């Protein structure tokens, strides 16, 4: 399975971008292309025309990702949800591509950006789901390990509020007291 990440220019320098993790882990099985409104990527357009290509795009799917028969190449739009909608609308070559969607069993663990869609996944999580659906659990696990190490430094998990400085100090005091008793 080949993955093409059609990436918005604003994503390239963001430390929160997870598309780069996909390319890092999957190597030649993944490529990151810079999206350009005026100049479509010629090689990608050729591959779309040849067939066997699908676009992962939420809510407008022809079918779920569980049925990937005949698909050997998946395109993902690597950007914010708002930018992804615009990229899709402004890219005529994507309009007639077979579409697939995901129905993830778990909520996203992605915690590096605010205002995420409740049912949405980040780029790396989408690729992990597809890898698992196609039986490539080894690369799915490798990507998951890399993804978790990428989001861990953020120090928070989606849906859990950050502790106040006062509660952190109180907890630290209790821990220090317990350590002294030893």
N, C-alpha and C. Protein backbone atom coordinates (compact mmCIF):
# COMPACT_ATOMS: atom_id res chain seq x y z
N UNK A 1 0.85 -1.18 0.00
CA UNK A 1 0.00 0.00 0.00
C UNK A 1 0.89 1.24 0.00
N UNK A 2 0.58 2.16 -0.88
CA UNK A 2 1.31 3.42 -0.96
C UNK A 2 0.43 4.52 -0.39
N UNK A 3 1.04 5.48 0.30
CA UNK A 3 0.33 6.61 0.85
C UNK A 3 0.91 7.90 0.29
N UNK A 4 0.03 8.78 -0.18
CA UNK A 4 0.44 10.12 -0.59
C UNK A 4 -0.23 11.11 0.33
N UNK A 5 0.58 11.93 0.98
CA UNK A 5 0.06 12.97 1.85
C UNK A 5 0.10 14.28 1.08
N UNK A 6 -1.06 14.77 0.72
CA UNK A 6 -1.18 16.03 0.02
C UNK A 6 -1.19 17.11 1.10
N UNK A 7 -0.06 17.78 1.27
CA UNK A 7 0.18 18.61 2.45
C UNK A 7 0.05 20.09 2.15
N UNK A 8 -0.69 20.78 3.00
CA UNK A 8 -0.82 22.23 2.90
C UNK A 8 0.51 22.86 3.32
N UNK A 9 0.89 23.96 2.69
CA UNK A 9 2.18 24.59 2.97
C UNK A 9 2.33 25.01 4.44
N UNK A 10 1.22 25.37 5.08
CA UNK A 10 1.28 25.78 6.49
C UNK A 10 1.66 24.62 7.42
N UNK A 11 1.46 23.39 6.96
CA UNK A 11 1.74 22.21 7.79
C UNK A 11 3.22 21.87 7.85
N UNK A 12 3.96 22.21 6.81
CA UNK A 12 5.34 21.74 6.69
C UNK A 12 6.22 22.10 7.88
N UNK A 13 6.09 23.30 8.40
CA UNK A 13 6.95 23.72 9.49
C UNK A 13 6.38 23.50 10.87
N UNK A 14 5.17 22.99 10.96
CA UNK A 14 4.53 22.84 12.27
C UNK A 14 5.07 21.63 13.02
N UNK A 15 5.50 21.83 14.26
CA UNK A 15 5.96 20.69 15.05
C UNK A 15 4.82 19.72 15.38
N UNK A 16 3.58 20.19 15.29
CA UNK A 16 2.42 19.34 15.59
C UNK A 16 2.00 18.46 14.42
N UNK A 17 2.63 18.63 13.26
CA UNK A 17 2.26 17.84 12.08
C UNK A 17 2.66 16.38 12.27
N UNK A 18 1.72 15.47 11.97
CA UNK A 18 2.02 14.04 12.11
C UNK A 18 2.27 13.35 10.77
N UNK A 19 2.05 14.06 9.68
CA UNK A 19 2.33 13.49 8.36
C UNK A 19 3.79 13.12 8.22
N UNK A 20 4.67 13.93 8.78
CA UNK A 20 6.10 13.65 8.69
C UNK A 20 6.47 12.34 9.38
N UNK A 21 5.69 11.95 10.39
CA UNK A 21 5.94 10.68 11.08
C UNK A 21 5.65 9.50 10.16
N UNK A 22 4.60 9.65 9.35
CA UNK A 22 4.22 8.60 8.39
C UNK A 22 5.36 8.37 7.40
N UNK A 23 5.90 9.45 6.86
CA UNK A 23 7.00 9.35 5.89
C UNK A 23 8.25 8.77 6.57
N UNK A 24 8.51 9.19 7.78
CA UNK A 24 9.67 8.70 8.53
C UNK A 24 9.59 7.18 8.76
N UNK A 25 8.44 6.69 9.14
CA UNK A 25 8.29 5.27 9.46
C UNK A 25 8.11 4.40 8.22
N UNK A 26 7.32 4.86 7.26
CA UNK A 26 7.00 4.02 6.09
C UNK A 26 7.99 4.16 4.95
N UNK A 27 8.87 5.15 5.01
CA UNK A 27 9.89 5.31 3.98
C UNK A 27 9.31 5.46 2.59
N UNK A 28 9.73 4.62 1.66
CA UNK A 28 9.33 4.75 0.26
C UNK A 28 7.86 4.40 0.02
N UNK A 29 7.17 3.85 1.01
CA UNK A 29 5.74 3.54 0.87
C UNK A 29 4.87 4.77 1.13
N UNK A 30 5.52 5.89 1.48
CA UNK A 30 4.78 7.13 1.74
C UNK A 30 5.53 8.31 1.15
N UNK A 31 4.76 9.26 0.64
CA UNK A 31 5.37 10.49 0.14
C UNK A 31 4.53 11.67 0.58
N UNK A 32 5.19 12.78 0.79
CA UNK A 32 4.52 14.00 1.19
C UNK A 32 4.68 15.00 0.04
N UNK A 33 3.55 15.37 -0.58
CA UNK A 33 3.56 16.33 -1.68
C UNK A 33 2.98 17.64 -1.21
N UNK A 34 3.62 18.72 -1.58
CA UNK A 34 3.11 20.04 -1.24
C UNK A 34 1.94 20.37 -2.17
N UNK A 35 0.78 20.66 -1.57
CA UNK A 35 -0.40 21.00 -2.37
C UNK A 35 -0.24 22.39 -2.96
N UNK A 36 -0.57 22.52 -4.24
CA UNK A 36 -0.53 23.80 -4.93
C UNK A 36 -1.86 23.96 -5.66
N UNK A 37 -2.55 25.04 -5.39
CA UNK A 37 -3.88 25.27 -5.96
C UNK A 37 -3.84 25.37 -7.48
N UNK A 38 -2.76 25.91 -8.02
CA UNK A 38 -2.69 26.15 -9.46
C UNK A 38 -2.00 25.05 -10.25
N UNK A 39 -1.10 24.33 -9.60
CA UNK A 39 -0.33 23.30 -10.32
C UNK A 39 -0.53 21.94 -9.64
N UNK A 40 -1.41 21.12 -10.20
CA UNK A 40 -1.61 19.79 -9.60
C UNK A 40 -0.38 18.91 -9.80
N UNK A 41 -0.11 18.01 -8.87
CA UNK A 41 1.06 17.13 -9.02
C UNK A 41 0.83 16.14 -10.17
N UNK A 42 1.60 16.31 -11.24
CA UNK A 42 1.39 15.54 -12.48
C UNK A 42 1.46 14.03 -12.25
N UNK A 43 2.44 13.57 -11.49
CA UNK A 43 2.59 12.13 -11.25
C UNK A 43 1.37 11.58 -10.50
N UNK A 44 0.87 12.32 -9.54
CA UNK A 44 -0.31 11.88 -8.78
C UNK A 44 -1.54 11.83 -9.67
N UNK A 45 -1.71 12.82 -10.52
CA UNK A 45 -2.84 12.84 -11.45
C UNK A 45 -2.78 11.62 -12.38
N UNK A 46 -1.58 11.29 -12.86
CA UNK A 46 -1.40 10.09 -13.71
C UNK A 46 -1.81 8.82 -12.96
N UNK A 47 -1.38 8.71 -11.71
CA UNK A 47 -1.71 7.53 -10.91
C UNK A 47 -3.21 7.44 -10.65
N UNK A 48 -3.86 8.58 -10.43
CA UNK A 48 -5.31 8.60 -10.23
C UNK A 48 -6.00 8.09 -11.49
N UNK A 49 -5.55 8.58 -12.64
CA UNK A 49 -6.16 8.18 -13.91
C UNK A 49 -5.94 6.69 -14.21
N UNK A 50 -4.83 6.13 -13.73
CA UNK A 50 -4.54 4.71 -13.95
C UNK A 50 -5.41 3.79 -13.09
N UNK A 51 -5.95 4.32 -12.00
CA UNK A 51 -6.84 3.54 -11.13
C UNK A 51 -6.13 2.93 -9.94
N UNK A 52 -6.91 2.34 -9.05
CA UNK A 52 -6.37 1.73 -7.85
C UNK A 52 -6.03 2.72 -6.76
N UNK A 53 -6.53 3.96 -6.91
CA UNK A 53 -6.23 5.03 -5.96
C UNK A 53 -7.52 5.42 -5.25
N UNK A 54 -7.42 5.71 -3.96
CA UNK A 54 -8.58 6.17 -3.19
C UNK A 54 -8.18 7.38 -2.36
N UNK A 55 -9.16 8.21 -2.06
CA UNK A 55 -8.97 9.39 -1.23
C UNK A 55 -9.64 9.14 0.11
N UNK A 56 -8.89 9.28 1.18
CA UNK A 56 -9.49 9.19 2.51
C UNK A 56 -10.06 10.57 2.82
N UNK A 57 -11.37 10.63 2.92
CA UNK A 57 -12.02 11.92 3.15
C UNK A 57 -13.28 11.70 3.95
N UNK A 58 -13.41 12.32 5.12
CA UNK A 58 -14.53 12.02 6.02
C UNK A 58 -15.88 12.51 5.51
N UNK A 59 -16.88 11.70 5.76
CA UNK A 59 -18.26 12.10 5.52
C UNK A 59 -18.76 12.00 4.10
N UNK A 60 -17.89 11.80 3.14
CA UNK A 60 -18.33 11.75 1.75
C UNK A 60 -17.87 10.45 1.10
N UNK A 61 -17.73 9.43 1.90
CA UNK A 61 -17.11 8.19 1.41
C UNK A 61 -18.03 7.36 0.55
N UNK A 62 -17.44 6.74 -0.44
CA UNK A 62 -18.14 5.74 -1.23
C UNK A 62 -18.23 4.45 -0.42
N UNK A 63 -17.21 4.20 0.42
CA UNK A 63 -17.18 2.97 1.22
C UNK A 63 -16.23 3.14 2.40
N UNK A 64 -16.35 2.23 3.35
CA UNK A 64 -15.47 2.26 4.50
C UNK A 64 -14.11 1.67 4.14
N UNK A 65 -13.10 2.04 4.91
CA UNK A 65 -11.74 1.58 4.63
C UNK A 65 -11.58 0.08 4.81
N UNK A 66 -12.53 -0.57 5.45
CA UNK A 66 -12.46 -2.03 5.60
C UNK A 66 -12.47 -2.75 4.27
N UNK A 67 -13.08 -2.14 3.25
CA UNK A 67 -13.15 -2.74 1.92
C UNK A 67 -12.19 -2.00 1.00
N UNK A 68 -10.96 -2.47 0.96
CA UNK A 68 -9.93 -1.81 0.16
C UNK A 68 -9.52 -2.65 -1.05
N UNK A 69 -10.39 -3.53 -1.46
CA UNK A 69 -10.10 -4.38 -2.62
C UNK A 69 -9.81 -3.53 -3.85
N UNK A 70 -8.72 -3.83 -4.51
CA UNK A 70 -8.34 -3.11 -5.72
C UNK A 70 -7.65 -1.78 -5.48
N UNK A 71 -7.49 -1.40 -4.24
CA UNK A 71 -6.81 -0.13 -3.93
C UNK A 71 -5.37 -0.44 -3.50
N UNK A 72 -4.43 0.22 -4.15
CA UNK A 72 -3.02 0.05 -3.78
C UNK A 72 -2.36 1.38 -3.40
N UNK A 73 -3.15 2.45 -3.45
CA UNK A 73 -2.60 3.79 -3.22
C UNK A 73 -3.69 4.64 -2.56
N UNK A 74 -3.38 5.24 -1.42
CA UNK A 74 -4.35 6.08 -0.71
C UNK A 74 -3.79 7.48 -0.56
N UNK A 75 -4.63 8.45 -0.88
CA UNK A 75 -4.30 9.87 -0.73
C UNK A 75 -4.94 10.37 0.55
N UNK A 76 -4.17 11.09 1.35
CA UNK A 76 -4.69 11.76 2.54
C UNK A 76 -4.37 13.24 2.43
N UNK A 77 -5.30 14.08 2.80
CA UNK A 77 -5.05 15.52 2.83
C UNK A 77 -4.49 15.82 4.22
N UNK A 78 -3.25 16.28 4.25
CA UNK A 78 -2.52 16.50 5.49
C UNK A 78 -2.56 17.99 5.83
N UNK A 79 -3.54 18.37 6.64
CA UNK A 79 -3.72 19.77 7.01
C UNK A 79 -4.74 19.86 8.13
N UNK A 80 -5.10 21.08 8.51
CA UNK A 80 -6.18 21.24 9.48
C UNK A 80 -7.49 20.86 8.79
N UNK A 81 -8.55 20.63 9.58
CA UNK A 81 -9.85 20.27 9.00
C UNK A 81 -10.34 21.35 8.05
N UNK A 82 -10.20 22.60 8.43
CA UNK A 82 -10.66 23.72 7.60
C UNK A 82 -9.88 23.76 6.28
N UNK A 83 -8.57 23.64 6.36
CA UNK A 83 -7.74 23.66 5.15
C UNK A 83 -8.02 22.45 4.27
N UNK A 84 -8.27 21.29 4.88
CA UNK A 84 -8.55 20.07 4.11
C UNK A 84 -9.80 20.24 3.25
N UNK A 85 -10.83 20.85 3.82
CA UNK A 85 -12.05 21.11 3.06
C UNK A 85 -11.75 21.98 1.85
N UNK A 86 -10.96 23.03 2.06
CA UNK A 86 -10.62 23.93 0.95
C UNK A 86 -9.75 23.23 -0.09
N UNK A 87 -8.79 22.45 0.34
CA UNK A 87 -7.94 21.71 -0.60
C UNK A 87 -8.81 20.80 -1.46
N UNK A 88 -9.72 20.09 -0.83
CA UNK A 88 -10.59 19.17 -1.57
C UNK A 88 -11.44 19.93 -2.58
N UNK A 89 -12.03 21.04 -2.17
CA UNK A 89 -12.90 21.82 -3.05
C UNK A 89 -12.13 22.44 -4.21
N UNK A 90 -10.88 22.80 -3.98
CA UNK A 90 -10.09 23.51 -5.00
C UNK A 90 -9.18 22.60 -5.82
N UNK A 91 -9.38 21.31 -5.73
CA UNK A 91 -8.55 20.35 -6.47
C UNK A 91 -9.43 19.49 -7.36
N UNK A 92 -9.67 19.92 -8.60
CA UNK A 92 -10.56 19.17 -9.49
C UNK A 92 -10.15 17.71 -9.67
N UNK A 93 -8.86 17.42 -9.64
CA UNK A 93 -8.38 16.05 -9.83
C UNK A 93 -8.78 15.12 -8.69
N UNK A 94 -9.21 15.66 -7.55
CA UNK A 94 -9.65 14.82 -6.43
C UNK A 94 -11.15 14.54 -6.45
N UNK A 95 -11.88 15.27 -7.27
CA UNK A 95 -13.34 15.19 -7.24
C UNK A 95 -13.91 13.83 -7.63
N UNK A 96 -13.28 13.13 -8.54
CA UNK A 96 -13.82 11.84 -9.00
C UNK A 96 -13.04 10.63 -8.51
N UNK A 97 -12.16 10.85 -7.55
CA UNK A 97 -11.38 9.74 -6.99
C UNK A 97 -12.29 8.93 -6.06
N UNK A 98 -12.16 7.63 -6.11
CA UNK A 98 -12.90 6.76 -5.19
C UNK A 98 -12.60 7.20 -3.76
N UNK A 99 -13.65 7.34 -2.94
CA UNK A 99 -13.46 7.83 -1.57
C UNK A 99 -13.71 6.73 -0.55
N UNK A 100 -12.91 6.79 0.49
CA UNK A 100 -13.10 5.88 1.62
C UNK A 100 -13.14 6.71 2.90
N UNK A 101 -13.73 6.14 3.93
CA UNK A 101 -13.74 6.81 5.23
C UNK A 101 -13.40 5.80 6.31
N UNK A 102 -13.10 6.32 7.48
CA UNK A 102 -12.77 5.47 8.62
C UNK A 102 -13.87 5.55 9.67
N UNK A 103 -14.07 4.46 10.34
CA UNK A 103 -14.95 4.43 11.51
C UNK A 103 -14.09 3.90 12.65
N UNK A 104 -13.29 4.79 13.26
CA UNK A 104 -12.35 4.34 14.29
C UNK A 104 -13.05 3.77 15.52
N UNK A 105 -12.45 2.74 16.08
CA UNK A 105 -12.99 2.11 17.28
C UNK A 105 -12.70 2.96 18.52
N UNK A 106 -11.61 3.72 18.47
CA UNK A 106 -11.21 4.53 19.61
C UNK A 106 -11.15 6.00 19.24
N UNK A 107 -11.24 6.86 20.26
CA UNK A 107 -11.09 8.29 20.05
C UNK A 107 -9.63 8.62 19.75
N UNK A 108 -9.44 9.76 19.14
CA UNK A 108 -8.09 10.22 18.84
C UNK A 108 -7.30 10.47 20.12
N UNK A 109 -6.02 10.17 20.05
CA UNK A 109 -5.11 10.49 21.16
C UNK A 109 -4.35 11.78 20.88
N UNK A 110 -4.55 12.31 19.71
CA UNK A 110 -3.82 13.51 19.29
C UNK A 110 -4.16 14.67 20.22
N UNK A 111 -3.16 15.31 20.77
CA UNK A 111 -3.38 16.35 21.77
C UNK A 111 -2.58 17.63 21.52
N UNK A 112 -2.04 17.77 20.34
CA UNK A 112 -1.14 18.90 20.09
C UNK A 112 -1.83 20.14 19.55
N UNK A 113 -3.11 20.03 19.22
CA UNK A 113 -3.85 21.19 18.71
C UNK A 113 -5.19 21.29 19.40
N UNK A 114 -5.67 22.51 19.49
CA UNK A 114 -7.00 22.74 20.06
C UNK A 114 -8.05 22.66 18.96
N UNK A 115 -9.31 22.58 19.38
CA UNK A 115 -10.46 22.62 18.47
C UNK A 115 -10.46 21.49 17.44
N UNK A 116 -10.11 20.30 17.88
CA UNK A 116 -10.15 19.14 17.00
C UNK A 116 -11.56 18.58 16.92
N UNK A 117 -11.90 17.97 15.79
CA UNK A 117 -13.20 17.33 15.66
C UNK A 117 -13.26 16.15 16.63
N UNK A 118 -14.39 16.01 17.28
CA UNK A 118 -14.56 14.94 18.27
C UNK A 118 -14.33 13.55 17.66
N UNK A 119 -14.83 13.35 16.45
CA UNK A 119 -14.71 12.02 15.82
C UNK A 119 -13.52 11.93 14.87
N UNK A 120 -12.72 12.98 14.80
CA UNK A 120 -11.62 13.01 13.84
C UNK A 120 -10.34 12.40 14.36
N UNK A 121 -9.51 11.99 13.41
CA UNK A 121 -8.19 11.47 13.70
C UNK A 121 -7.15 12.33 12.99
N UNK A 122 -5.95 12.38 13.52
CA UNK A 122 -4.88 13.09 12.82
C UNK A 122 -4.36 12.18 11.70
N UNK A 123 -3.49 12.73 10.87
CA UNK A 123 -2.97 12.00 9.71
C UNK A 123 -2.32 10.67 10.10
N UNK A 124 -1.45 10.69 11.09
CA UNK A 124 -0.77 9.45 11.50
C UNK A 124 -1.76 8.40 12.00
N UNK A 125 -2.77 8.83 12.75
CA UNK A 125 -3.76 7.88 13.25
C UNK A 125 -4.57 7.27 12.10
N UNK A 126 -4.87 8.07 11.09
CA UNK A 126 -5.58 7.55 9.90
C UNK A 126 -4.76 6.46 9.22
N UNK A 127 -3.49 6.72 9.03
CA UNK A 127 -2.62 5.74 8.38
C UNK A 127 -2.51 4.48 9.23
N UNK A 128 -2.43 4.63 10.56
CA UNK A 128 -2.39 3.45 11.43
C UNK A 128 -3.65 2.60 11.24
N UNK A 129 -4.81 3.24 11.17
CA UNK A 129 -6.08 2.51 10.97
C UNK A 129 -6.06 1.74 9.65
N UNK A 130 -5.58 2.39 8.60
CA UNK A 130 -5.54 1.74 7.28
C UNK A 130 -4.55 0.58 7.28
N UNK A 131 -3.39 0.79 7.90
CA UNK A 131 -2.40 -0.28 7.98
C UNK A 131 -2.99 -1.50 8.70
N UNK A 132 -3.69 -1.26 9.78
CA UNK A 132 -4.32 -2.38 10.51
C UNK A 132 -5.39 -3.06 9.66
N UNK A 133 -6.19 -2.26 8.95
CA UNK A 133 -7.26 -2.81 8.11
C UNK A 133 -6.72 -3.67 6.98
N UNK A 134 -5.49 -3.37 6.55
CA UNK A 134 -4.89 -4.13 5.45
C UNK A 134 -3.93 -5.22 5.95
N UNK A 135 -3.92 -5.45 7.26
CA UNK A 135 -3.10 -6.53 7.82
C UNK A 135 -1.64 -6.19 8.04
N UNK A 136 -1.29 -4.92 7.93
CA UNK A 136 0.10 -4.51 8.12
C UNK A 136 0.30 -4.04 9.56
N UNK A 137 0.11 -4.95 10.50
CA UNK A 137 0.16 -4.58 11.92
C UNK A 137 1.56 -4.19 12.38
N UNK A 138 2.59 -4.72 11.74
CA UNK A 138 3.96 -4.37 12.14
C UNK A 138 4.21 -2.88 11.93
N UNK A 139 3.91 -2.37 10.73
CA UNK A 139 4.12 -0.94 10.49
C UNK A 139 3.12 -0.09 11.26
N UNK A 140 1.92 -0.61 11.50
CA UNK A 140 0.95 0.13 12.31
C UNK A 140 1.49 0.32 13.73
N UNK A 141 2.08 -0.72 14.29
CA UNK A 141 2.65 -0.63 15.64
C UNK A 141 3.87 0.29 15.67
N UNK A 142 4.71 0.19 14.66
CA UNK A 142 5.89 1.08 14.59
C UNK A 142 5.46 2.54 14.53
N UNK A 143 4.45 2.81 13.71
CA UNK A 143 3.95 4.18 13.59
C UNK A 143 3.29 4.62 14.89
N UNK A 144 2.56 3.73 15.53
CA UNK A 144 1.91 4.09 16.79
C UNK A 144 2.94 4.44 17.86
N UNK A 145 4.02 3.65 17.96
CA UNK A 145 5.08 3.95 18.93
C UNK A 145 5.69 5.32 18.67
N UNK A 146 5.96 5.60 17.40
CA UNK A 146 6.55 6.90 17.04
C UNK A 146 5.57 8.04 17.33
N UNK A 147 4.30 7.82 17.00
CA UNK A 147 3.26 8.81 17.25
C UNK A 147 3.13 9.11 18.74
N UNK A 148 3.09 8.08 19.57
CA UNK A 148 2.95 8.29 21.01
C UNK A 148 4.15 9.04 21.59
N UNK A 149 5.35 8.75 21.08
CA UNK A 149 6.52 9.50 21.56
C UNK A 149 6.48 10.95 21.07
N UNK A 150 5.82 11.18 19.95
CA UNK A 150 5.68 12.54 19.40
C UNK A 150 4.72 13.38 20.23
N UNK A 151 3.62 12.78 20.67
CA UNK A 151 2.62 13.57 21.41
C UNK A 151 2.89 13.59 22.92
N UNK A 152 3.69 12.66 23.41
CA UNK A 152 3.94 12.58 24.85
C UNK A 152 4.52 13.86 25.44
N UNK A 153 5.47 14.52 24.78
CA UNK A 153 6.03 15.73 25.37
C UNK A 153 5.00 16.83 25.63
N UNK A 154 3.84 16.75 25.00
CA UNK A 154 2.81 17.76 25.22
C UNK A 154 2.29 17.69 26.64
N UNK A 155 2.42 16.52 27.27
CA UNK A 155 2.10 16.39 28.67
C UNK A 155 0.62 16.46 29.01
N UNK A 156 -0.23 16.29 28.02
CA UNK A 156 -1.66 16.30 28.33
C UNK A 156 -2.36 15.33 27.39
N UNK A 157 -3.48 14.88 27.83
CA UNK A 157 -4.28 13.96 27.03
C UNK A 157 -5.60 14.64 26.73
N UNK A 158 -6.08 14.46 25.54
CA UNK A 158 -7.33 15.08 25.12
C UNK A 158 -8.44 14.76 26.11
N UNK A 159 -9.16 15.79 26.54
CA UNK A 159 -10.29 15.59 27.43
C UNK A 159 -9.94 15.69 28.91
N UNK A 160 -8.65 15.76 29.24
CA UNK A 160 -8.24 15.90 30.63
C UNK A 160 -7.65 17.29 30.81
N UNK A 161 -8.21 18.02 31.77
CA UNK A 161 -7.76 19.39 31.98
C UNK A 161 -6.40 19.39 32.68
N UNK A 162 -5.64 20.42 32.37
CA UNK A 162 -4.34 20.60 32.98
C UNK A 162 -4.52 20.95 34.46
N UNK A 163 -3.64 20.45 35.30
CA UNK A 163 -3.74 20.74 36.72
C UNK A 163 -3.32 22.17 36.99
N UNK A 164 -3.92 22.75 38.03
CA UNK A 164 -3.54 24.10 38.43
C UNK A 164 -2.17 24.03 39.11
N UNK A 165 -1.44 25.16 39.12
CA UNK A 165 -0.14 25.16 39.80
C UNK A 165 -0.27 24.79 41.27
N UNK A 166 -1.38 25.22 41.91
CA UNK A 166 -1.59 24.93 43.33
C UNK A 166 -1.71 23.42 43.57
N UNK A 167 -2.49 22.74 42.71
CA UNK A 167 -2.66 21.30 42.91
C UNK A 167 -1.36 20.55 42.60
N UNK A 168 -0.59 21.05 41.65
CA UNK A 168 0.69 20.43 41.33
C UNK A 168 1.64 20.55 42.52
N UNK A 169 1.67 21.72 43.15
CA UNK A 169 2.52 21.94 44.33
C UNK A 169 2.08 21.04 45.47
N UNK A 170 0.76 20.94 45.68
CA UNK A 170 0.23 20.10 46.75
C UNK A 170 0.61 18.64 46.53
N UNK A 171 0.47 18.17 45.31
CA UNK A 171 0.82 16.78 44.99
C UNK A 171 2.32 16.56 45.18
N UNK A 172 3.13 17.52 44.74
CA UNK A 172 4.58 17.41 44.91
C UNK A 172 4.94 17.33 46.38
N UNK A 173 4.26 18.13 47.22
CA UNK A 173 4.51 18.12 48.66
C UNK A 173 4.21 16.77 49.27
N UNK A 174 3.10 16.17 48.88
CA UNK A 174 2.71 14.85 49.39
C UNK A 174 3.73 13.80 48.97
N UNK A 175 4.15 13.84 47.71
CA UNK A 175 5.14 12.88 47.21
C UNK A 175 6.45 13.04 47.97
N UNK A 176 6.91 14.28 48.15
CA UNK A 176 8.16 14.51 48.89
C UNK A 176 8.06 14.00 50.32
N UNK A 177 6.91 14.23 50.96
CA UNK A 177 6.71 13.77 52.33
C UNK A 177 6.77 12.25 52.41
N UNK A 178 6.14 11.58 51.45
CA UNK A 178 6.17 10.11 51.42
C UNK A 178 7.59 9.59 51.21
N UNK A 179 8.36 10.27 50.38
CA UNK A 179 9.74 9.85 50.13
C UNK A 179 10.61 10.02 51.37
N UNK A 180 10.37 11.08 52.13
CA UNK A 180 11.15 11.31 53.36
C UNK A 180 10.86 10.24 54.41
N UNK A 181 9.62 9.74 54.43
CA UNK A 181 9.24 8.73 55.41
C UNK A 181 9.95 7.41 55.17
N UNK A 182 10.41 7.17 53.99
CA UNK A 182 11.07 5.90 53.64
C UNK A 182 12.37 5.81 54.29
